[in-house]
N, C-alpha and C. Protein backbone atom coordinates (compact mmCIF):
# COMPACT_ATOMS: atom_id res chain seq x y z
N MET A 1 105.71 87.53 133.90
CA MET A 1 107.06 87.98 133.50
C MET A 1 107.32 89.35 134.11
N ALA A 2 108.42 89.48 134.82
CA ALA A 2 108.72 90.75 135.49
C ALA A 2 109.07 91.82 134.46
N ALA A 3 108.48 93.00 134.67
CA ALA A 3 108.80 94.15 133.83
C ALA A 3 109.75 95.06 134.58
N THR A 4 110.55 95.82 133.83
CA THR A 4 111.49 96.76 134.43
C THR A 4 111.06 98.18 134.08
N MET A 5 110.89 99.01 135.09
CA MET A 5 110.48 100.40 134.89
C MET A 5 111.70 101.30 134.75
N HIS A 6 111.71 102.09 133.69
CA HIS A 6 112.74 103.12 133.51
C HIS A 6 111.99 104.46 133.51
N ALA A 7 112.16 105.23 134.57
CA ALA A 7 111.44 106.50 134.71
C ALA A 7 112.37 107.67 134.44
N PHE A 8 111.86 108.67 133.75
CA PHE A 8 112.66 109.83 133.37
C PHE A 8 111.95 111.11 133.81
N ALA A 9 112.74 112.18 133.90
CA ALA A 9 112.20 113.44 134.42
C ALA A 9 111.18 114.06 133.49
N ASN A 10 111.37 113.86 132.19
CA ASN A 10 110.47 114.47 131.21
C ASN A 10 110.54 113.69 129.91
N ALA A 11 109.64 114.05 128.98
CA ALA A 11 109.52 113.31 127.72
C ALA A 11 110.79 113.41 126.87
N ALA A 12 111.46 114.57 126.90
CA ALA A 12 112.67 114.74 126.10
C ALA A 12 113.79 113.83 126.58
N GLU A 13 113.92 113.71 127.88
CA GLU A 13 114.95 112.82 128.45
C GLU A 13 114.64 111.37 128.11
N LEU A 14 113.36 111.00 128.20
CA LEU A 14 112.96 109.65 127.82
C LEU A 14 113.29 109.39 126.36
N ALA A 15 112.92 110.30 125.48
CA ALA A 15 113.14 110.11 124.04
C ALA A 15 114.61 109.89 123.73
N ALA A 16 115.48 110.68 124.34
CA ALA A 16 116.92 110.55 124.08
C ALA A 16 117.45 109.22 124.59
N ASN A 17 117.03 108.83 125.79
CA ASN A 17 117.51 107.58 126.37
C ASN A 17 116.99 106.36 125.61
N LEU A 18 115.73 106.40 125.21
CA LEU A 18 115.17 105.29 124.45
C LEU A 18 115.82 105.21 123.08
N ALA A 19 116.09 106.35 122.46
CA ALA A 19 116.77 106.35 121.15
C ALA A 19 118.16 105.72 121.28
N ASP A 20 118.87 106.05 122.35
CA ASP A 20 120.20 105.46 122.56
C ASP A 20 120.09 103.94 122.75
N LYS A 21 119.12 103.50 123.53
CA LYS A 21 118.93 102.07 123.81
C LYS A 21 118.60 101.30 122.52
N VAL A 22 117.70 101.87 121.73
CA VAL A 22 117.28 101.21 120.49
C VAL A 22 118.41 101.22 119.46
N ALA A 23 119.11 102.34 119.34
CA ALA A 23 120.23 102.41 118.39
C ALA A 23 121.30 101.38 118.73
N ASP A 24 121.56 101.21 120.03
CA ASP A 24 122.55 100.21 120.46
C ASP A 24 122.08 98.80 120.12
N ALA A 25 120.79 98.53 120.35
CA ALA A 25 120.26 97.20 120.04
C ALA A 25 120.28 96.92 118.54
N LEU A 26 119.95 97.93 117.74
CA LEU A 26 120.01 97.77 116.29
C LEU A 26 121.44 97.50 115.83
N SER A 27 122.38 98.25 116.37
CA SER A 27 123.79 98.08 115.99
C SER A 27 124.29 96.69 116.35
N LYS A 28 123.90 96.20 117.52
CA LYS A 28 124.34 94.86 117.94
C LYS A 28 123.73 93.79 117.05
N ALA A 29 122.47 93.98 116.64
CA ALA A 29 121.83 93.02 115.75
C ALA A 29 122.53 92.98 114.39
N ILE A 30 122.86 94.16 113.88
CA ILE A 30 123.57 94.24 112.59
C ILE A 30 124.93 93.56 112.70
N ALA A 31 125.63 93.79 113.80
CA ALA A 31 126.95 93.17 113.99
C ALA A 31 126.84 91.66 114.06
N ALA A 32 125.75 91.17 114.67
CA ALA A 32 125.59 89.72 114.87
C ALA A 32 125.13 89.00 113.62
N LYS A 33 124.23 89.62 112.83
CA LYS A 33 123.63 88.88 111.72
C LYS A 33 123.51 89.67 110.42
N GLY A 34 123.99 90.90 110.41
CA GLY A 34 124.02 91.66 109.17
C GLY A 34 122.80 92.51 108.89
N THR A 35 121.72 92.28 109.66
CA THR A 35 120.49 93.06 109.49
C THR A 35 119.85 93.28 110.86
N ALA A 36 118.87 94.18 110.89
CA ALA A 36 118.13 94.44 112.13
C ALA A 36 116.70 94.78 111.78
N THR A 37 115.78 94.40 112.68
CA THR A 37 114.36 94.67 112.45
C THR A 37 113.75 95.35 113.66
N ILE A 38 112.85 96.28 113.40
CA ILE A 38 112.15 96.97 114.47
C ILE A 38 110.72 97.24 114.05
N ALA A 39 109.78 96.97 114.96
CA ALA A 39 108.37 97.29 114.75
C ALA A 39 107.99 98.38 115.75
N VAL A 40 107.40 99.45 115.25
CA VAL A 40 107.08 100.61 116.09
C VAL A 40 105.58 100.87 116.10
N SER A 41 105.16 101.66 117.08
CA SER A 41 103.75 101.96 117.26
C SER A 41 103.44 103.41 116.88
N GLY A 42 102.15 103.69 116.72
CA GLY A 42 101.72 105.03 116.35
C GLY A 42 101.30 105.85 117.55
N GLY A 43 100.45 106.84 117.30
CA GLY A 43 100.02 107.74 118.36
C GLY A 43 100.96 108.92 118.48
N SER A 44 100.64 109.84 119.37
CA SER A 44 101.46 111.05 119.52
C SER A 44 102.68 110.81 120.40
N THR A 45 102.63 109.80 121.27
CA THR A 45 103.71 109.59 122.25
C THR A 45 105.08 109.39 121.61
N PRO A 46 105.23 108.59 120.54
CA PRO A 46 106.60 108.30 120.07
C PRO A 46 107.25 109.35 119.18
N LYS A 47 106.59 110.45 118.89
CA LYS A 47 107.16 111.42 117.94
C LYS A 47 108.57 111.86 118.31
N ALA A 48 108.76 112.30 119.55
CA ALA A 48 110.08 112.80 119.96
C ALA A 48 111.12 111.69 119.94
N PHE A 49 110.72 110.49 120.33
CA PHE A 49 111.62 109.34 120.25
C PHE A 49 112.00 109.05 118.80
N PHE A 50 111.04 109.05 117.90
CA PHE A 50 111.33 108.84 116.47
C PHE A 50 112.33 109.88 115.96
N GLN A 51 112.09 111.13 116.31
CA GLN A 51 112.97 112.21 115.83
C GLN A 51 114.39 112.04 116.36
N ALA A 52 114.50 111.64 117.62
CA ALA A 52 115.83 111.42 118.21
C ALA A 52 116.52 110.23 117.56
N LEU A 53 115.79 109.13 117.37
CA LEU A 53 116.38 107.94 116.78
C LEU A 53 116.85 108.20 115.35
N SER A 54 116.12 109.03 114.64
CA SER A 54 116.47 109.30 113.22
C SER A 54 117.85 109.93 113.05
N THR A 55 118.38 110.52 114.11
CA THR A 55 119.69 111.19 114.03
C THR A 55 120.83 110.30 114.48
N ARG A 56 120.52 109.11 115.01
CA ARG A 56 121.57 108.25 115.55
C ARG A 56 122.39 107.65 114.41
N ASP A 57 123.66 107.48 114.70
CA ASP A 57 124.63 107.04 113.69
C ASP A 57 124.73 105.53 113.71
N LEU A 58 124.06 104.89 112.74
CA LEU A 58 124.22 103.45 112.58
C LEU A 58 124.01 103.08 111.12
N ASP A 59 124.17 101.80 110.80
CA ASP A 59 124.13 101.36 109.41
C ASP A 59 122.67 101.20 108.97
N TRP A 60 122.01 102.32 108.75
CA TRP A 60 120.56 102.33 108.50
C TRP A 60 120.12 101.51 107.28
N PRO A 61 120.91 101.41 106.20
CA PRO A 61 120.44 100.58 105.08
C PRO A 61 120.22 99.12 105.45
N LYS A 62 120.78 98.68 106.58
CA LYS A 62 120.60 97.29 107.02
C LYS A 62 119.45 97.13 108.01
N VAL A 63 118.71 98.22 108.25
CA VAL A 63 117.61 98.20 109.20
C VAL A 63 116.27 98.16 108.45
N THR A 64 115.40 97.24 108.84
CA THR A 64 114.02 97.21 108.33
C THR A 64 113.08 97.66 109.43
N ILE A 65 112.26 98.66 109.12
CA ILE A 65 111.28 99.21 110.05
C ILE A 65 109.89 98.83 109.57
N THR A 66 109.06 98.35 110.47
CA THR A 66 107.66 98.14 110.16
C THR A 66 106.81 98.63 111.32
N LEU A 67 105.51 98.43 111.23
CA LEU A 67 104.57 98.92 112.22
C LEU A 67 103.99 97.77 113.03
N VAL A 68 103.81 97.99 114.32
CA VAL A 68 103.12 97.03 115.17
C VAL A 68 101.67 96.86 114.69
N ASP A 69 101.05 98.01 114.34
CA ASP A 69 99.67 97.99 113.84
C ASP A 69 99.42 99.22 113.00
N GLU A 70 98.31 99.22 112.30
CA GLU A 70 97.98 100.32 111.39
C GLU A 70 96.48 100.41 111.21
N ARG A 71 96.02 101.62 110.96
CA ARG A 71 94.62 101.81 110.58
C ARG A 71 94.48 101.51 109.08
N PHE A 72 93.30 101.06 108.68
CA PHE A 72 93.07 100.80 107.25
C PHE A 72 92.74 102.12 106.56
N VAL A 73 93.78 102.96 106.47
CA VAL A 73 93.68 104.27 105.80
C VAL A 73 94.94 104.46 104.98
N PRO A 74 94.86 105.24 103.88
CA PRO A 74 96.05 105.47 103.08
C PRO A 74 97.11 106.27 103.82
N ALA A 75 98.34 106.17 103.34
CA ALA A 75 99.47 106.85 104.00
C ALA A 75 99.35 108.37 103.96
N THR A 76 98.45 108.89 103.16
CA THR A 76 98.24 110.34 103.12
C THR A 76 97.32 110.82 104.24
N SER A 77 96.64 109.91 104.92
CA SER A 77 95.70 110.27 105.98
C SER A 77 96.45 110.71 107.24
N ASP A 78 95.94 111.75 107.90
CA ASP A 78 96.59 112.19 109.13
C ASP A 78 96.38 111.20 110.27
N ARG A 79 95.60 110.15 110.05
CA ARG A 79 95.42 109.08 111.04
C ARG A 79 96.30 107.86 110.74
N SER A 80 97.14 107.99 109.74
CA SER A 80 97.99 106.88 109.32
C SER A 80 99.27 106.79 110.17
N ASN A 81 99.56 105.61 110.70
CA ASN A 81 100.83 105.41 111.38
C ASN A 81 102.00 105.46 110.40
N HIS A 82 101.75 105.04 109.17
CA HIS A 82 102.77 105.15 108.12
C HIS A 82 103.20 106.61 107.97
N LEU A 83 102.24 107.52 107.90
CA LEU A 83 102.57 108.94 107.76
C LEU A 83 103.35 109.44 108.97
N LEU A 84 102.96 109.02 110.16
CA LEU A 84 103.67 109.42 111.38
C LEU A 84 105.13 108.99 111.33
N VAL A 85 105.37 107.75 110.92
CA VAL A 85 106.73 107.23 110.84
C VAL A 85 107.52 107.93 109.73
N ALA A 86 106.88 108.13 108.59
CA ALA A 86 107.56 108.80 107.48
C ALA A 86 107.96 110.23 107.85
N SER A 87 107.11 110.90 108.60
CA SER A 87 107.35 112.31 108.93
C SER A 87 108.34 112.50 110.07
N ASN A 88 108.47 111.49 110.92
CA ASN A 88 109.28 111.67 112.13
C ASN A 88 110.48 110.73 112.26
N LEU A 89 110.37 109.51 111.75
CA LEU A 89 111.46 108.54 111.89
C LEU A 89 112.26 108.38 110.60
N LEU A 90 111.57 108.32 109.46
CA LEU A 90 112.28 108.11 108.18
C LEU A 90 112.84 109.44 107.68
N GLN A 91 113.60 110.08 108.55
CA GLN A 91 114.21 111.38 108.29
C GLN A 91 115.69 111.29 108.65
N ASN A 92 116.44 112.35 108.32
CA ASN A 92 117.85 112.44 108.71
C ASN A 92 118.60 111.17 108.30
N LYS A 93 119.38 110.58 109.19
CA LYS A 93 120.15 109.39 108.83
C LYS A 93 119.25 108.18 108.58
N ALA A 94 118.12 108.14 109.26
CA ALA A 94 117.22 106.99 109.14
C ALA A 94 116.46 106.95 107.81
N LYS A 95 116.62 107.98 106.99
CA LYS A 95 116.02 107.94 105.64
C LYS A 95 116.50 106.73 104.85
N ALA A 96 117.68 106.23 105.20
CA ALA A 96 118.27 105.12 104.44
C ALA A 96 117.69 103.77 104.83
N ALA A 97 116.87 103.72 105.88
CA ALA A 97 116.30 102.45 106.32
C ALA A 97 115.25 101.95 105.33
N ARG A 98 114.98 100.67 105.39
CA ARG A 98 113.90 100.06 104.59
C ARG A 98 112.62 100.09 105.43
N PHE A 99 111.52 100.50 104.83
CA PHE A 99 110.24 100.56 105.55
C PHE A 99 109.23 99.64 104.88
N LEU A 100 108.58 98.81 105.69
CA LEU A 100 107.53 97.93 105.19
C LEU A 100 106.19 98.37 105.79
N PRO A 101 105.32 98.99 104.99
CA PRO A 101 104.02 99.41 105.51
C PRO A 101 103.09 98.22 105.67
N LEU A 102 102.04 98.42 106.45
CA LEU A 102 101.01 97.39 106.59
C LEU A 102 99.81 97.67 105.69
N PHE A 103 99.50 98.96 105.48
CA PHE A 103 98.36 99.29 104.63
C PHE A 103 98.68 99.00 103.17
N HIS A 104 97.72 98.40 102.48
CA HIS A 104 97.76 98.24 101.03
C HIS A 104 96.41 98.69 100.49
N ASP A 105 96.44 99.36 99.37
CA ASP A 105 95.22 99.94 98.80
C ASP A 105 94.42 98.86 98.10
N THR A 106 93.77 98.04 98.92
CA THR A 106 92.96 96.93 98.41
C THR A 106 91.50 97.20 98.79
N GLY A 107 90.64 96.33 98.36
CA GLY A 107 89.23 96.54 98.63
C GLY A 107 88.83 96.29 100.07
N SER A 108 89.66 95.57 100.82
CA SER A 108 89.27 95.23 102.18
C SER A 108 90.49 95.15 103.09
N ALA A 109 90.23 95.36 104.38
CA ALA A 109 91.31 95.23 105.36
C ALA A 109 91.83 93.79 105.39
N GLU A 110 90.94 92.81 105.18
CA GLU A 110 91.36 91.40 105.20
C GLU A 110 92.39 91.11 104.11
N THR A 111 92.14 91.64 102.90
CA THR A 111 93.10 91.44 101.81
C THR A 111 94.42 92.14 102.11
N ALA A 112 94.33 93.35 102.66
CA ALA A 112 95.55 94.09 103.02
C ALA A 112 96.34 93.33 104.08
N ALA A 113 95.65 92.73 105.04
CA ALA A 113 96.33 91.98 106.09
C ALA A 113 97.10 90.80 105.51
N LYS A 114 96.49 90.11 104.54
CA LYS A 114 97.17 88.96 103.91
C LYS A 114 98.42 89.41 103.16
N LEU A 115 98.31 90.52 102.44
CA LEU A 115 99.47 91.04 101.72
C LEU A 115 100.58 91.46 102.68
N ALA A 116 100.19 92.18 103.73
CA ALA A 116 101.17 92.65 104.71
C ALA A 116 101.82 91.48 105.44
N ALA A 117 101.04 90.45 105.75
CA ALA A 117 101.60 89.28 106.42
C ALA A 117 102.64 88.60 105.55
N ALA A 118 102.36 88.49 104.25
CA ALA A 118 103.31 87.86 103.33
C ALA A 118 104.59 88.68 103.21
N GLU A 119 104.44 89.99 103.11
CA GLU A 119 105.62 90.86 102.95
C GLU A 119 106.48 90.86 104.21
N THR A 120 105.84 90.99 105.37
CA THR A 120 106.62 91.09 106.60
C THR A 120 107.21 89.76 107.01
N ALA A 121 106.64 88.66 106.56
CA ALA A 121 107.21 87.35 106.87
C ALA A 121 108.62 87.21 106.31
N SER A 122 108.90 87.96 105.26
CA SER A 122 110.20 87.85 104.60
C SER A 122 111.35 88.40 105.45
N ILE A 123 111.04 89.18 106.49
CA ILE A 123 112.12 89.79 107.26
C ILE A 123 112.59 88.90 108.41
N GLY A 124 111.94 87.75 108.58
CA GLY A 124 112.39 86.82 109.62
C GLY A 124 111.85 87.16 110.98
N ASN A 125 112.08 86.26 111.93
CA ASN A 125 111.60 86.48 113.28
C ASN A 125 112.53 85.77 114.26
N PRO A 126 112.50 86.16 115.53
CA PRO A 126 111.69 87.24 116.09
C PRO A 126 112.21 88.61 115.70
N PHE A 127 111.41 89.64 115.95
CA PHE A 127 111.88 91.00 115.78
C PHE A 127 113.06 91.24 116.73
N ASP A 128 113.99 92.10 116.30
CA ASP A 128 115.04 92.53 117.22
C ASP A 128 114.45 93.48 118.26
N ILE A 129 113.57 94.37 117.82
CA ILE A 129 113.00 95.37 118.73
C ILE A 129 111.52 95.54 118.41
N VAL A 130 110.70 95.59 119.43
CA VAL A 130 109.29 95.98 119.31
C VAL A 130 109.03 97.09 120.32
N ILE A 131 108.47 98.19 119.84
CA ILE A 131 108.09 99.31 120.70
C ILE A 131 106.57 99.38 120.74
N LEU A 132 106.00 99.09 121.90
CA LEU A 132 104.56 99.13 122.08
C LEU A 132 104.14 100.42 122.76
N GLY A 133 102.91 100.83 122.50
CA GLY A 133 102.27 101.89 123.27
C GLY A 133 101.11 101.30 124.04
N MET A 134 100.36 102.16 124.70
CA MET A 134 99.20 101.69 125.45
C MET A 134 98.16 102.79 125.52
N GLY A 135 96.91 102.44 125.28
CA GLY A 135 95.82 103.39 125.39
C GLY A 135 95.27 103.46 126.80
N GLY A 136 94.46 104.47 127.05
CA GLY A 136 93.85 104.64 128.35
C GLY A 136 92.90 103.52 128.73
N ASP A 137 92.48 102.73 127.72
CA ASP A 137 91.60 101.58 127.97
C ASP A 137 92.40 100.29 128.16
N GLY A 138 93.72 100.40 128.17
CA GLY A 138 94.55 99.21 128.33
C GLY A 138 94.82 98.44 127.05
N HIS A 139 94.50 99.04 125.89
CA HIS A 139 94.83 98.34 124.64
C HIS A 139 96.30 98.57 124.29
N THR A 140 96.86 97.64 123.56
CA THR A 140 98.19 97.80 122.98
C THR A 140 98.15 97.17 121.60
N ALA A 141 99.05 97.59 120.70
CA ALA A 141 98.90 97.24 119.29
C ALA A 141 97.45 97.57 118.92
N SER A 142 96.76 96.71 118.18
CA SER A 142 95.31 96.92 117.98
C SER A 142 94.53 95.85 118.72
N PHE A 143 95.03 95.50 119.89
CA PHE A 143 94.34 94.56 120.77
C PHE A 143 93.37 95.38 121.64
N PHE A 144 92.18 95.63 121.11
CA PHE A 144 91.21 96.48 121.78
C PHE A 144 90.24 95.65 122.62
N PRO A 145 89.91 96.12 123.84
CA PRO A 145 88.82 95.48 124.57
C PRO A 145 87.57 95.46 123.69
N GLY A 146 86.93 94.32 123.60
CA GLY A 146 85.75 94.20 122.75
C GLY A 146 86.04 94.01 121.28
N GLY A 147 87.30 93.92 120.90
CA GLY A 147 87.67 93.74 119.49
C GLY A 147 87.13 92.43 118.93
N ASN A 148 86.71 92.47 117.66
CA ASN A 148 86.07 91.29 117.08
C ASN A 148 87.03 90.11 116.93
N ASN A 149 88.34 90.38 116.84
CA ASN A 149 89.32 89.31 116.70
C ASN A 149 90.27 89.24 117.90
N LEU A 150 89.84 89.81 119.03
CA LEU A 150 90.76 89.92 120.17
C LEU A 150 91.23 88.55 120.67
N ALA A 151 90.32 87.62 120.83
CA ALA A 151 90.70 86.30 121.34
C ALA A 151 91.72 85.63 120.43
N VAL A 152 91.51 85.77 119.12
CA VAL A 152 92.46 85.19 118.14
C VAL A 152 93.80 85.90 118.23
N ALA A 153 93.77 87.23 118.33
CA ALA A 153 95.01 88.01 118.37
C ALA A 153 95.88 87.66 119.58
N LEU A 154 95.23 87.42 120.72
CA LEU A 154 95.96 87.16 121.96
C LEU A 154 96.31 85.70 122.18
N ASP A 155 95.71 84.80 121.41
CA ASP A 155 95.94 83.37 121.58
C ASP A 155 97.39 83.03 121.20
N PRO A 156 98.18 82.47 122.11
CA PRO A 156 99.57 82.16 121.77
C PRO A 156 99.70 81.14 120.65
N LYS A 157 98.63 80.39 120.38
CA LYS A 157 98.68 79.40 119.30
C LYS A 157 98.38 80.01 117.93
N THR A 158 97.89 81.26 117.91
CA THR A 158 97.67 81.92 116.63
C THR A 158 99.03 82.21 116.00
N PRO A 159 99.24 81.85 114.74
CA PRO A 159 100.57 82.00 114.15
C PRO A 159 101.01 83.46 114.08
N ARG A 160 102.30 83.63 113.91
CA ARG A 160 102.83 84.95 113.61
C ARG A 160 102.16 85.49 112.35
N GLY A 161 102.00 86.79 112.30
CA GLY A 161 101.41 87.40 111.11
C GLY A 161 100.53 88.56 111.48
N ILE A 162 99.70 88.96 110.54
CA ILE A 162 98.87 90.15 110.69
C ILE A 162 97.41 89.77 110.48
N ILE A 163 96.57 90.24 111.40
CA ILE A 163 95.13 90.02 111.27
C ILE A 163 94.42 91.36 111.37
N THR A 164 93.14 91.34 111.08
CA THR A 164 92.33 92.56 111.17
C THR A 164 91.70 92.66 112.55
N MET A 165 91.34 93.88 112.91
CA MET A 165 90.64 94.10 114.18
C MET A 165 89.66 95.25 114.00
N GLU A 166 88.44 95.02 114.47
CA GLU A 166 87.44 96.09 114.52
C GLU A 166 86.92 96.16 115.94
N ALA A 167 86.78 97.40 116.43
CA ALA A 167 86.29 97.61 117.79
C ALA A 167 85.63 98.98 117.85
N GLN A 168 84.74 99.13 118.79
CA GLN A 168 83.98 100.38 118.91
C GLN A 168 84.89 101.58 119.08
N ASP A 169 85.97 101.42 119.85
CA ASP A 169 86.85 102.55 120.14
C ASP A 169 88.03 102.65 119.19
N ALA A 170 88.06 101.81 118.17
CA ALA A 170 89.23 101.78 117.28
C ALA A 170 89.10 102.72 116.09
N GLY A 171 87.90 103.26 115.84
CA GLY A 171 87.72 104.05 114.62
C GLY A 171 87.69 103.12 113.42
N GLU A 172 88.63 103.32 112.53
CA GLU A 172 88.69 102.51 111.31
C GLU A 172 89.04 101.05 111.63
N PRO A 173 88.76 100.14 110.69
CA PRO A 173 89.31 98.79 110.82
C PRO A 173 90.84 98.88 110.96
N ARG A 174 91.40 97.92 111.67
CA ARG A 174 92.84 97.93 111.94
C ARG A 174 93.51 96.70 111.37
N LEU A 175 94.80 96.83 111.16
CA LEU A 175 95.69 95.72 110.83
C LEU A 175 96.67 95.62 111.99
N THR A 176 96.87 94.44 112.54
CA THR A 176 97.76 94.32 113.69
C THR A 176 98.54 93.01 113.64
N PHE A 177 99.80 93.09 114.05
CA PHE A 177 100.54 91.86 114.30
C PHE A 177 99.88 91.13 115.47
N THR A 178 99.93 89.81 115.43
CA THR A 178 99.40 88.99 116.52
C THR A 178 100.34 89.02 117.72
N PHE A 179 99.81 88.64 118.87
CA PHE A 179 100.62 88.54 120.09
C PHE A 179 101.86 87.68 119.86
N SER A 180 101.69 86.56 119.18
CA SER A 180 102.82 85.66 118.96
C SER A 180 103.93 86.29 118.14
N SER A 181 103.59 87.29 117.33
CA SER A 181 104.58 87.97 116.50
C SER A 181 105.45 88.95 117.29
N LEU A 182 104.89 89.47 118.38
CA LEU A 182 105.51 90.58 119.10
C LEU A 182 106.18 90.16 120.41
N GLN A 183 105.69 89.10 121.02
CA GLN A 183 106.01 88.82 122.42
C GLN A 183 107.42 88.31 122.67
N ASP A 184 108.13 87.91 121.63
CA ASP A 184 109.48 87.38 121.83
C ASP A 184 110.56 88.23 121.18
N ALA A 185 110.24 89.51 120.93
CA ALA A 185 111.28 90.42 120.41
C ALA A 185 112.47 90.42 121.37
N LYS A 186 113.65 90.59 120.84
CA LYS A 186 114.84 90.57 121.70
C LYS A 186 114.82 91.75 122.67
N LEU A 187 114.28 92.88 122.22
CA LEU A 187 114.05 94.03 123.11
C LEU A 187 112.58 94.40 122.97
N LEU A 188 111.85 94.28 124.07
CA LEU A 188 110.40 94.54 124.06
C LEU A 188 110.14 95.72 124.99
N VAL A 189 109.71 96.84 124.40
CA VAL A 189 109.56 98.09 125.15
C VAL A 189 108.10 98.53 125.16
N LEU A 190 107.64 98.97 126.31
CA LEU A 190 106.35 99.66 126.43
C LEU A 190 106.65 101.11 126.74
N HIS A 191 106.30 102.01 125.82
CA HIS A 191 106.61 103.44 125.93
C HIS A 191 105.32 104.18 126.27
N ILE A 192 105.27 104.73 127.49
CA ILE A 192 104.08 105.47 127.93
C ILE A 192 104.51 106.76 128.61
N GLU A 193 103.63 107.74 128.57
CA GLU A 193 103.92 109.03 129.19
C GLU A 193 102.67 109.56 129.90
N GLY A 194 102.89 110.28 131.01
CA GLY A 194 101.80 110.90 131.75
C GLY A 194 101.36 110.05 132.94
N GLN A 195 100.87 110.74 133.98
CA GLN A 195 100.42 110.03 135.18
C GLN A 195 99.22 109.15 134.88
N GLY A 196 98.35 109.59 133.96
CA GLY A 196 97.17 108.80 133.61
C GLY A 196 97.55 107.43 133.08
N LYS A 197 98.55 107.37 132.19
CA LYS A 197 98.98 106.08 131.63
C LYS A 197 99.65 105.22 132.71
N LYS A 198 100.37 105.88 133.62
CA LYS A 198 100.99 105.12 134.70
C LYS A 198 99.93 104.48 135.59
N ASP A 199 98.84 105.21 135.82
CA ASP A 199 97.73 104.66 136.61
C ASP A 199 97.08 103.48 135.90
N VAL A 200 96.92 103.59 134.58
CA VAL A 200 96.38 102.47 133.79
C VAL A 200 97.29 101.26 133.90
N LEU A 201 98.59 101.50 133.80
CA LEU A 201 99.56 100.40 133.91
C LEU A 201 99.47 99.72 135.28
N THR A 202 99.35 100.52 136.33
CA THR A 202 99.23 99.96 137.68
C THR A 202 98.00 99.06 137.78
N LYS A 203 96.89 99.51 137.20
CA LYS A 203 95.68 98.69 137.19
C LYS A 203 95.90 97.40 136.40
N ALA A 204 96.58 97.53 135.26
CA ALA A 204 96.82 96.35 134.41
C ALA A 204 97.72 95.33 135.10
N GLU A 205 98.60 95.81 135.95
CA GLU A 205 99.51 94.90 136.65
C GLU A 205 98.80 94.13 137.77
N GLY A 206 97.59 94.55 138.10
CA GLY A 206 96.81 93.86 139.12
C GLY A 206 96.00 92.71 138.53
N ALA A 207 95.16 92.13 139.37
CA ALA A 207 94.33 91.01 138.93
C ALA A 207 93.27 91.48 137.94
N GLY A 208 92.88 90.59 137.05
CA GLY A 208 91.84 90.94 136.09
C GLY A 208 92.02 90.20 134.78
N ASP A 209 91.05 90.37 133.91
CA ASP A 209 90.97 89.64 132.66
C ASP A 209 91.80 90.32 131.57
N GLU A 210 92.50 89.52 130.77
CA GLU A 210 93.24 90.08 129.64
C GLU A 210 92.32 90.72 128.62
N ALA A 211 91.12 90.18 128.46
CA ALA A 211 90.18 90.75 127.49
C ALA A 211 89.73 92.15 127.91
N GLU A 212 89.73 92.40 129.22
CA GLU A 212 89.35 93.71 129.73
C GLU A 212 90.46 94.73 129.49
N MET A 213 91.70 94.33 129.71
CA MET A 213 92.88 95.18 129.49
C MET A 213 93.93 94.34 128.76
N PRO A 214 93.92 94.36 127.44
CA PRO A 214 94.79 93.45 126.68
C PRO A 214 96.29 93.62 126.92
N ILE A 215 96.72 94.80 127.42
CA ILE A 215 98.15 94.95 127.74
C ILE A 215 98.58 93.89 128.75
N ARG A 216 97.62 93.36 129.51
CA ARG A 216 97.95 92.31 130.48
C ARG A 216 98.56 91.08 129.82
N ALA A 217 98.13 90.78 128.60
CA ALA A 217 98.70 89.63 127.90
C ALA A 217 100.20 89.78 127.72
N VAL A 218 100.62 90.99 127.38
CA VAL A 218 102.05 91.27 127.18
C VAL A 218 102.78 91.22 128.52
N LEU A 219 102.22 91.89 129.52
CA LEU A 219 102.88 91.94 130.82
C LEU A 219 102.99 90.56 131.46
N ARG A 220 102.00 89.72 131.24
CA ARG A 220 101.96 88.41 131.89
C ARG A 220 102.63 87.30 131.09
N ARG A 221 102.51 87.35 129.77
CA ARG A 221 102.84 86.15 128.98
C ARG A 221 103.95 86.33 127.96
N ALA A 222 104.44 87.56 127.77
CA ALA A 222 105.50 87.73 126.78
C ALA A 222 106.74 86.93 127.17
N ALA A 223 107.38 86.31 126.19
CA ALA A 223 108.59 85.53 126.46
C ALA A 223 109.75 86.44 126.88
N THR A 224 109.73 87.66 126.40
CA THR A 224 110.77 88.64 126.74
C THR A 224 110.27 89.57 127.83
N PRO A 225 111.05 89.78 128.89
CA PRO A 225 110.64 90.74 129.92
C PRO A 225 110.46 92.13 129.30
N VAL A 226 109.43 92.83 129.73
CA VAL A 226 109.09 94.14 129.16
C VAL A 226 109.91 95.24 129.83
N ASP A 227 110.52 96.09 129.02
CA ASP A 227 111.15 97.31 129.51
C ASP A 227 110.15 98.44 129.37
N ILE A 228 109.73 99.01 130.48
CA ILE A 228 108.77 100.12 130.46
C ILE A 228 109.54 101.43 130.53
N TYR A 229 109.31 102.27 129.54
CA TYR A 229 109.90 103.62 129.51
C TYR A 229 108.78 104.62 129.77
N TRP A 230 108.92 105.37 130.88
CA TRP A 230 107.85 106.28 131.30
C TRP A 230 108.42 107.63 131.71
N ALA A 231 107.68 108.67 131.40
CA ALA A 231 107.96 110.02 131.90
C ALA A 231 106.63 110.68 132.23
N PRO A 232 106.63 111.61 133.18
CA PRO A 232 105.38 112.28 133.55
C PRO A 232 104.76 113.04 132.38
C-alpha cells in the first residue's frame, strides 16, 4: 500500500498541520454519523500535536479518544500513555471529549486487556482516525520485535480487540490493539520526527521480515494508505 509523505520544516509546523488535518477529519465524521473516534499513541513525539489539537474548535463531546496501546501501569505513572493524553490532549476545548483508557487496575495485564477490549468494542469500528508512532527498532503500537504475542497481533485473522504483549525492550507488559483493529482507520497516520526515525522508515520500506520491523505490516498490508507526517 503506497504511503504519502508530508514533510515539515520543524516539529511545531508539523503539530499545527496534523492538528488541522485531524480536527477536519473528526468534524467530518461527526457531520456524517454524529460521533467520531480516534486512537492515539504515546511517547514524547505527539505532545505538541496533542496540545495543538486540544485548542481546535469542534464538537468535542461527540468525540471518543482512546489509546493505540498502553503500558500495564496506573494512570499516575509517568510512563502511562493515559497520563500523557490527560496532560496534553484532554485540555482546553478537548476536555469535553470522552476518553476510554486501556489500563484497568486488575491483577493481570490479561484481565485488563479483556476489560479494555469489551469497553472499546462499544465505540464501533473502524476508527475514524488512528495516529501511530514508531520506535527506533521499527515497532509500532506495542508490536515489538521478539514480542511474545507478535505473530498473533500482526495476523490479519486475529479479531479486532486488545491483547497483551511482553518483549525485552518493552519494559512493562503492554496492552495493544491488534493490527486488524488499526489498519482500516479512515485516516491512518504515522507521526515521526528526526532524521534517525526517517532512516528507520527507509529501512522498513525495503525488503525484510515484518517480525524484524513490525511497522512493515502497517506499511505493506493496511487497508488504508498511510499518511506519514515527518519533521527533522
